[in-house]
Amino acid sequence: MVSVTGIREDSRLQIRPLRLKGTFEIRPRVLSDNRGCFAETYRSDVFKENDLTTLWIQENQSLTARKGTIRGLHFQSPPFAQTKLIQVPHGRILDVFVDIRKSSPTYGEWDSIELSSEKCNAVYIPEGFAHGFCTIDADTVVQYKVDSVYSAEHEGGIRWNDDRLGISWGTERPVLSAKDEELPAFSELVTPFE
């Protein structure tokens, strides 16, 4: 079995664990020439070798026009909880995820990673995390695979600027949806992930 701390050097896809257990950066080898570049961004065999989800049943895409826009922090409760694989085909984002697994030693902690079309990297986030992102560039496209369908009745969230979390989003005056501005504080969260 291939180590989850990285794949053989000759592989075209590397999986690097991030600080919060179960989250990973996926880094492809990017091949460039005078025409542009090419990268294998997903391989089910490599994911299987590293015990990661491979059965993606829905794929979503968003276009965010303005730099400094925050979307999140969102999650879905069981039985519609979602593992996510997030990529940025155009632009750059700061991707943020918060551990809301009550039994986790990192419950209530957050981490972030910059995803970009230039790096072709992705982030793998298992169920039990609230997720959001902030656009670093205008006209950014975010694409993500999920292993469960969307269910409005199972949707939840946490306020982006919650004092307890203290997330550094990298923007002073974010653009937000009315819905995201009204999300509850972390202290009000009754997590469905025990």
C-alpha atoms as a PDB file:
ATOM      1  CA  MET A   1       0.000   0.000   0.000  1.00  0.00           C
ATOM      2  CA  VAL A   2       1.227   3.471  -0.812  1.00  0.00           C
ATOM      3  CA  SER A   3       1.938   5.735   2.159  1.00  0.00           C
ATOM      4  CA  VAL A   4      -0.616   8.476   2.789  1.00  0.00           C
ATOM      5  CA  THR A   5       2.269  10.887   3.459  1.00  0.00           C
ATOM      6  CA  GLY A   6       3.130  10.874  -0.222  1.00  0.00           C
ATOM      7  CA  ILE A   7       3.295   8.778  -3.330  1.00  0.00           C
ATOM      8  CA  ARG A   8       6.371   7.394  -5.098  1.00  0.00           C
ATOM      9  CA  GLU A   9       8.415  10.106  -6.797  1.00  0.00           C
ATOM     10  CA  ASP A  10       7.641   8.731 -10.253  1.00  0.00           C
ATOM     11  CA  SER A  11       3.895   9.118  -9.661  1.00  0.00           C
ATOM     12  CA  ARG A  12       1.964  11.951 -11.249  1.00  0.00           C
ATOM     13  CA  LEU A  13      -0.188  12.554  -8.171  1.00  0.00           C
ATOM     14  CA  GLN A  14       0.944  13.245  -4.607  1.00  0.00           C
ATOM     15  CA  ILE A  15      -1.262  13.179  -1.537  1.00  0.00           C
ATOM     16  CA  ARG A  16      -0.002  15.304   1.343  1.00  0.00           C
ATOM     17  CA  PRO A  17      -1.726  15.202   4.745  1.00  0.00           C
ATOM     18  CA  LEU A  18      -2.735  18.562   6.179  1.00  0.00           C
ATOM     19  CA  ARG A  19      -2.863  19.544   9.858  1.00  0.00           C
ATOM     20  CA  LEU A  20      -6.433  18.372  10.573  1.00  0.00           C
ATOM     21  CA  LYS A  21      -6.821  14.580  10.477  1.00  0.00           C
ATOM     22  CA  GLY A  22      -8.444  13.313   7.297  1.00  0.00           C
ATOM     23  CA  THR A  23      -7.711  16.420   5.177  1.00  0.00           C
ATOM     24  CA  PHE A  24      -5.207  16.250   2.324  1.00  0.00           C
ATOM     25  CA  GLU A  25      -3.711  18.401  -0.397  1.00  0.00           C
ATOM     26  CA  ILE A  26      -3.708  16.640  -3.756  1.00  0.00           C
ATOM     27  CA  ARG A  27      -0.788  17.770  -5.931  1.00  0.00           C
ATOM     28  CA  PRO A  28      -0.448  16.674  -9.531  1.00  0.00           C
ATOM     29  CA  ARG A  29       2.746  16.807 -11.508  1.00  0.00           C
ATOM     30  CA  VAL A  30       2.234  19.659 -13.990  1.00  0.00           C
ATOM     31  CA  LEU A  31       3.836  19.146 -17.401  1.00  0.00           C
ATOM     32  CA  SER A  32       4.489  22.416 -19.254  1.00  0.00           C
ATOM     33  CA  ASP A  33       5.697  23.322 -22.720  1.00  0.00           C
ATOM     34  CA  ASN A  34       5.240  26.113 -25.285  1.00  0.00           C
ATOM     35  CA  ARG A  35       1.534  25.205 -25.683  1.00  0.00           C
ATOM     36  CA  GLY A  36       0.656  25.458 -21.993  1.00  0.00           C
ATOM     37  CA  CYS A  37       0.386  22.671 -19.431  1.00  0.00           C
ATOM     38  CA  PHE A  38      -1.185  19.318 -18.618  1.00  0.00           C
ATOM     39  CA  ALA A  39      -1.845  17.545 -15.316  1.00  0.00           C
ATOM     40  CA  GLU A  40      -3.665  14.439 -14.128  1.00  0.00           C
ATOM     41  CA  THR A  41      -5.805  15.937 -11.372  1.00  0.00           C
ATOM     42  CA  TYR A  42      -7.623  12.788 -10.234  1.00  0.00           C
ATOM     43  CA  ARG A  43      -6.942   9.040 -10.344  1.00  0.00           C
ATOM     44  CA  SER A  44      -9.274   6.614  -8.598  1.00  0.00           C
ATOM     45  CA  ASP A  45      -6.515   3.991  -8.244  1.00  0.00           C
ATOM     46  CA  VAL A  46      -4.274   6.410  -6.309  1.00  0.00           C
ATOM     47  CA  PHE A  47      -7.198   7.498  -4.112  1.00  0.00           C
ATOM     48  CA  LYS A  48      -8.090   3.835  -3.397  1.00  0.00           C
ATOM     49  CA  GLU A  49      -4.470   3.023  -2.503  1.00  0.00           C
ATOM     50  CA  ASN A  50      -4.635   5.838   0.079  1.00  0.00           C
ATOM     51  CA  ASP A  51      -8.061   4.843   1.485  1.00  0.00           C
ATOM     52  CA  LEU A  52      -9.760   7.976   0.132  1.00  0.00           C
ATOM     53  CA  THR A  53     -13.279   8.236  -1.289  1.00  0.00           C
ATOM     54  CA  THR A  54     -13.567   7.453  -4.985  1.00  0.00           C
ATOM     55  CA  LEU A  55     -17.342   7.235  -5.459  1.00  0.00           C
ATOM     56  CA  TRP A  56     -18.247  10.809  -6.396  1.00  0.00           C
ATOM     57  CA  ILE A  57     -21.945  11.153  -7.181  1.00  0.00           C
ATOM     58  CA  GLN A  58     -22.377  14.908  -7.687  1.00  0.00           C
ATOM     59  CA  GLU A  59     -20.113  17.639  -9.059  1.00  0.00           C
ATOM     60  CA  ASN A  60     -20.715  21.353  -8.486  1.00  0.00           C
ATOM     61  CA  GLN A  61     -19.200  24.464 -10.026  1.00  0.00           C
ATOM     62  CA  SER A  62     -19.365  28.121  -9.025  1.00  0.00           C
ATOM     63  CA  LEU A  63     -18.152  31.297 -10.699  1.00  0.00           C
ATOM     64  CA  THR A  64     -17.403  34.150  -8.328  1.00  0.00           C
ATOM     65  CA  ALA A  65     -17.072  37.509 -10.066  1.00  0.00           C
ATOM     66  CA  ARG A  66     -15.495  39.596  -7.313  1.00  0.00           C
ATOM     67  CA  LYS A  67     -12.195  39.229  -5.507  1.00  0.00           C
ATOM     68  CA  GLY A  68     -12.660  39.021  -1.722  1.00  0.00           C
ATOM     69  CA  THR A  69     -15.938  37.108  -1.862  1.00  0.00           C
ATOM     70  CA  ILE A  70     -16.489  34.598   0.934  1.00  0.00           C
ATOM     71  CA  ARG A  71     -18.752  31.580   0.482  1.00  0.00           C
ATOM     72  CA  GLY A  72     -19.334  29.539   3.630  1.00  0.00           C
ATOM     73  CA  LEU A  73     -18.903  28.073   6.129  1.00  0.00           C
ATOM     74  CA  HIS A  74     -21.268  25.244   5.099  1.00  0.00           C
ATOM     75  CA  PHE A  75     -21.837  21.555   5.862  1.00  0.00           C
ATOM     76  CA  GLN A  76     -24.484  18.879   5.460  1.00  0.00           C
ATOM     77  CA  SER A  77     -25.695  16.601   8.268  1.00  0.00           C
ATOM     78  CA  PRO A  78     -25.973  12.813   8.030  1.00  0.00           C
ATOM     79  CA  PRO A  79     -27.349  10.943   6.191  1.00  0.00           C
ATOM     80  CA  PHE A  80     -26.402  13.517   3.533  1.00  0.00           C
ATOM     81  CA  ALA A  81     -22.973  14.448   4.948  1.00  0.00           C
ATOM     82  CA  GLN A  82     -20.422  15.073   2.210  1.00  0.00           C
ATOM     83  CA  THR A  83     -16.772  14.326   1.596  1.00  0.00           C
ATOM     84  CA  LYS A  84     -15.473  16.952  -0.863  1.00  0.00           C
ATOM     85  CA  LEU A  85     -12.698  17.187  -3.424  1.00  0.00           C
ATOM     86  CA  ILE A  86     -12.242  20.864  -4.306  1.00  0.00           C
ATOM     87  CA  GLN A  87     -10.296  22.284  -7.285  1.00  0.00           C
ATOM     88  CA  VAL A  88      -9.958  25.679  -8.946  1.00  0.00           C
ATOM     89  CA  PRO A  89      -9.956  25.510 -12.781  1.00  0.00           C
ATOM     90  CA  HIS A  90      -9.626  29.311 -13.044  1.00  0.00           C
ATOM     91  CA  GLY A  91      -8.256  31.786 -10.493  1.00  0.00           C
ATOM     92  CA  ARG A  92      -7.245  31.379  -6.851  1.00  0.00           C
ATOM     93  CA  ILE A  93      -9.004  30.868  -3.515  1.00  0.00           C
ATOM     94  CA  LEU A  94      -8.153  30.543   0.137  1.00  0.00           C
ATOM     95  CA  ASP A  95      -9.987  27.346   1.040  1.00  0.00           C
ATOM     96  CA  VAL A  96     -10.982  27.067   4.715  1.00  0.00           C
ATOM     97  CA  PHE A  97     -12.275  24.080   6.678  1.00  0.00           C
ATOM     98  CA  VAL A  98     -13.342  23.744  10.321  1.00  0.00           C
ATOM     99  CA  ASP A  99     -13.377  20.456  12.246  1.00  0.00           C
ATOM    100  CA  ILE A 100     -16.886  19.961  13.694  1.00  0.00           C
ATOM    101  CA  ARG A 101     -16.400  16.309  14.732  1.00  0.00           C
ATOM    102  CA  LYS A 102     -17.169  16.429  18.463  1.00  0.00           C
ATOM    103  CA  SER A 103     -14.899  13.482  19.343  1.00  0.00           C
ATOM    104  CA  SER A 104     -11.950  14.830  17.336  1.00  0.00           C
ATOM    105  CA  PRO A 105      -8.922  16.194  19.229  1.00  0.00           C
ATOM    106  CA  THR A 106      -9.006  19.149  16.811  1.00  0.00           C
ATOM    107  CA  TYR A 107     -12.734  19.905  17.258  1.00  0.00           C
ATOM    108  CA  GLY A 108     -13.323  23.625  16.658  1.00  0.00           C
ATOM    109  CA  GLU A 109      -9.972  24.149  14.928  1.00  0.00           C
ATOM    110  CA  TRP A 110      -9.588  25.367  11.375  1.00  0.00           C
ATOM    111  CA  ASP A 111      -7.013  25.122   8.617  1.00  0.00           C
ATOM    112  CA  SER A 112      -6.676  26.663   5.174  1.00  0.00           C
ATOM    113  CA  ILE A 113      -4.881  26.153   1.900  1.00  0.00           C
ATOM    114  CA  GLU A 114      -4.496  28.221  -1.261  1.00  0.00           C
ATOM    115  CA  LEU A 115      -5.872  26.458  -4.336  1.00  0.00           C
ATOM    116  CA  SER A 116      -5.128  27.769  -7.796  1.00  0.00           C
ATOM    117  CA  SER A 117      -5.472  26.943 -11.461  1.00  0.00           C
ATOM    118  CA  GLU A 118      -1.727  27.525 -11.819  1.00  0.00           C
ATOM    119  CA  LYS A 119      -0.791  24.823  -9.280  1.00  0.00           C
ATOM    120  CA  CYS A 120      -3.670  22.503 -10.319  1.00  0.00           C
ATOM    121  CA  ASN A 121      -3.842  21.416  -6.666  1.00  0.00           C
ATOM    122  CA  ALA A 122      -6.947  20.266  -4.814  1.00  0.00           C
ATOM    123  CA  VAL A 123      -8.054  19.721  -1.232  1.00  0.00           C
ATOM    124  CA  TYR A 124      -9.774  16.593   0.084  1.00  0.00           C
ATOM    125  CA  ILE A 125     -12.101  17.250   3.037  1.00  0.00           C
ATOM    126  CA  PRO A 126     -13.993  14.372   4.689  1.00  0.00           C
ATOM    127  CA  GLU A 127     -17.446  14.666   6.195  1.00  0.00           C
ATOM    128  CA  GLY A 128     -17.475  16.303   9.610  1.00  0.00           C
ATOM    129  CA  PHE A 129     -16.056  19.632   8.464  1.00  0.00           C
ATOM    130  CA  ALA A 130     -17.650  23.006   7.744  1.00  0.00           C
ATOM    131  CA  HIS A 131     -16.211  24.415   4.525  1.00  0.00           C
ATOM    132  CA  GLY A 132     -15.855  27.802   2.870  1.00  0.00           C
ATOM    133  CA  PHE A 133     -13.562  29.820   0.666  1.00  0.00           C
ATOM    134  CA  CYS A 134     -12.505  33.370  -0.154  1.00  0.00           C
ATOM    135  CA  THR A 135     -11.636  34.392  -3.692  1.00  0.00           C
ATOM    136  CA  ILE A 136      -8.155  35.847  -4.161  1.00  0.00           C
ATOM    137  CA  ASP A 137      -8.802  36.678  -7.836  1.00  0.00           C
ATOM    138  CA  ALA A 138     -11.851  38.015  -9.667  1.00  0.00           C
ATOM    139  CA  ASP A 139     -13.753  35.645 -11.961  1.00  0.00           C
ATOM    140  CA  THR A 140     -12.675  32.539 -10.063  1.00  0.00           C
ATOM    141  CA  VAL A 141     -14.185  29.154 -10.890  1.00  0.00           C
ATOM    142  CA  VAL A 142     -14.415  26.534  -8.123  1.00  0.00           C
ATOM    143  CA  GLN A 143     -15.326  22.947  -8.878  1.00  0.00           C
ATOM    144  CA  TYR A 144     -15.961  20.249  -6.328  1.00  0.00           C
ATOM    145  CA  LYS A 145     -16.896  16.611  -6.303  1.00  0.00           C
ATOM    146  CA  VAL A 146     -19.038  15.270  -3.436  1.00  0.00           C
ATOM    147  CA  ASP A 147     -20.009  11.766  -2.366  1.00  0.00           C
ATOM    148  CA  SER A 148     -23.607  12.601  -1.402  1.00  0.00           C
ATOM    149  CA  VAL A 149     -26.316  14.651  -3.078  1.00  0.00           C
ATOM    150  CA  TYR A 150     -27.317  18.088  -1.809  1.00  0.00           C
ATOM    151  CA  SER A 151     -30.213  18.163   0.667  1.00  0.00           C
ATOM    152  CA  ALA A 152     -31.597  21.549   1.750  1.00  0.00           C
ATOM    153  CA  GLU A 153     -33.119  20.023   4.903  1.00  0.00           C
ATOM    154  CA  HIS A 154     -29.682  18.773   6.011  1.00  0.00           C
ATOM    155  CA  GLU A 155     -27.785  21.995   5.335  1.00  0.00           C
ATOM    156  CA  GLY A 156     -25.989  23.788   8.160  1.00  0.00           C
ATOM    157  CA  GLY A 157     -23.377  26.458   8.628  1.00  0.00           C
ATOM    158  CA  ILE A 158     -21.245  28.628  10.880  1.00  0.00           C
ATOM    159  CA  ARG A 159     -20.716  32.386  10.691  1.00  0.00           C
ATOM    160  CA  TRP A 160     -17.606  33.249   8.655  1.00  0.00           C
ATOM    161  CA  ASN A 161     -16.304  35.823  11.181  1.00  0.00           C
ATOM    162  CA  ASP A 162     -16.992  33.878  14.378  1.00  0.00           C
ATOM    163  CA  ASP A 163     -14.824  35.253  17.207  1.00  0.00           C
ATOM    164  CA  ARG A 164     -14.219  31.820  18.731  1.00  0.00           C
ATOM    165  CA  LEU A 165     -12.767  30.495  15.459  1.00  0.00           C
ATOM    166  CA  GLY A 166     -10.802  33.640  14.516  1.00  0.00           C
ATOM    167  CA  ILE A 167     -10.322  32.667  10.875  1.00  0.00           C
ATOM    168  CA  SER A 168      -7.898  34.790   8.828  1.00  0.00           C
ATOM    169  CA  TRP A 169      -9.645  35.123   5.472  1.00  0.00           C
ATOM    170  CA  GLY A 170      -7.173  37.550   3.903  1.00  0.00           C
ATOM    171  CA  THR A 171      -9.745  40.244   3.150  1.00  0.00           C
ATOM    172  CA  GLU A 172     -10.944  43.229   5.194  1.00  0.00           C
ATOM    173  CA  ARG A 173     -14.278  43.879   3.459  1.00  0.00           C
ATOM    174  CA  PRO A 174     -15.653  40.622   2.084  1.00  0.00           C
ATOM    175  CA  VAL A 175     -18.549  40.242  -0.316  1.00  0.00           C
ATOM    176  CA  LEU A 176     -21.140  37.931   1.285  1.00  0.00           C
ATOM    177  CA  SER A 177     -24.557  36.514   0.542  1.00  0.00           C
ATOM    178  CA  ALA A 178     -27.411  37.520   2.846  1.00  0.00           C
ATOM    179  CA  LYS A 179     -27.771  33.848   3.806  1.00  0.00           C
ATOM    180  CA  ASP A 180     -24.102  33.521   4.864  1.00  0.00           C
ATOM    181  CA  GLU A 181     -24.280  36.732   6.913  1.00  0.00           C
ATOM    182  CA  GLU A 182     -27.059  35.161   9.016  1.00  0.00           C
ATOM    183  CA  LEU A 183     -25.346  31.857   9.834  1.00  0.00           C
ATOM    184  CA  PRO A 184     -25.098  31.072  13.568  1.00  0.00           C
ATOM    185  CA  ALA A 185     -22.010  31.396  15.767  1.00  0.00           C
ATOM    186  CA  PHE A 186     -19.840  28.367  16.519  1.00  0.00           C
ATOM    187  CA  SER A 187     -21.049  28.473  20.151  1.00  0.00           C
ATOM    188  CA  GLU A 188     -24.607  27.838  18.884  1.00  0.00           C
ATOM    189  CA  LEU A 189     -23.586  24.798  16.856  1.00  0.00           C
ATOM    190  CA  VAL A 190     -25.091  21.469  17.863  1.00  0.00           C
ATOM    191  CA  THR A 191     -22.847  19.295  15.755  1.00  0.00           C
ATOM    192  CA  PRO A 192     -24.384  16.253  14.076  1.00  0.00           C
ATOM    193  CA  PHE A 193     -20.911  14.649  13.994  1.00  0.00           C
ATOM    194  CA  GLU A 194     -20.388  12.914  17.362  1.00  0.00           C
END
